[in-house]
């Protein structure tokens, strides 16, 4: 189907842009001499993951066991579950291991490590477990120099659990917007994770893998000495947050939401569309950045940006397009944006917007679309 034949709202994937993004990241990782393990939580889509693996990726990163199960069923075996494991999920994770999935788990505290060791002893089986390291104070993990790092290593090692490596995620990179700041954080991420691995090795614990990465730091690192692999996810689609960070242009954003003009409020200079927050998500990640993009930026069907317009408001099924600042149209809203006109909206956060839809309409270079399924849940 062509774009003007699709019902709206609909999630569109610009396949040429996506493939260009995949090639860019994989080429950079190859040049830096590290393996690349893409995070698939952004897309949750088999067709996208196949393209990433075909380009040279080694294994995948997931954020839910449902992702692990779905991609393992599709033939992907090397999987990192990059969220500290909840004890209640250990039987489900073990079922994957017993079916042949090379599933790695993550912990970042002694209690979680004890629960894993206890479970493995009861099952007379083992997991491969990585320790999450906090290199920027963004979220979870153990600081590289903290005593807890060696304590967790000891619990796993003495408990007969395979300590496979360390991993970190410099999520605070999303708050930056200059090349110098991004490269500095990339080095902080690298050195911190390498230091944690060295401390574990010096204490006599095996630590083969050093895994780092976020999309901004992966594209900004000058060197990755001591790092085994890099993980990144949103690069495959990019979004307006990444544009504001400074690592992509709007022409690189491969995900958009197709919407239809359904009304006007001339006295307010508003155009009403049928993509509200149920389509775009509530994510307002650009609100604290250098450019506030509202709930998204509108484009023509060919993907070209409608400058000076923004999706400034969103109710459940209504979106409000308005001009930026004091700009006003010289022609009427009805003439510029007639009822039934279709537009594309670039999202703030590709992961959040994608999660609103059960499928993507993959848009080829010739303008035809193909359905790609994605899945929800945990």
Foldseek 3Di string as FASTA:
>chain_A
DFLLPDDDFAKEFAVVLLLVLLLVLLVLCVVQPAAAAEEALLFLFPVSVVSNVVSPHDHYEYQDVVSVVVVVVVPGARYENPDADDLVCVVVVVVSVVVPHLYEHEHAAQVSLLSQLVVCVVVVHEHAYAYEDELDPPDTHHFLPDPRLLVSLCSCVVSVYHDAAYEYEPVCLLVAADLVVLQVSLVSQLVRQLSSCVVNVVVPGDHNAREYEEVSSSQRHPHRPSHHYYYYYCSSQPFVSVVLSPPDPLVSHRIWTKWFFADDDQVQQKTKIFDFCLQLPPDQSCPPTPDRQAFFFKAASVSHGPPQKHQNHGDNGITIIHGHDPDHDPDGPCVVRNGGHMIITTGHRSSRNSQSDQWYFYAYPVRHTDIIGRDDDD
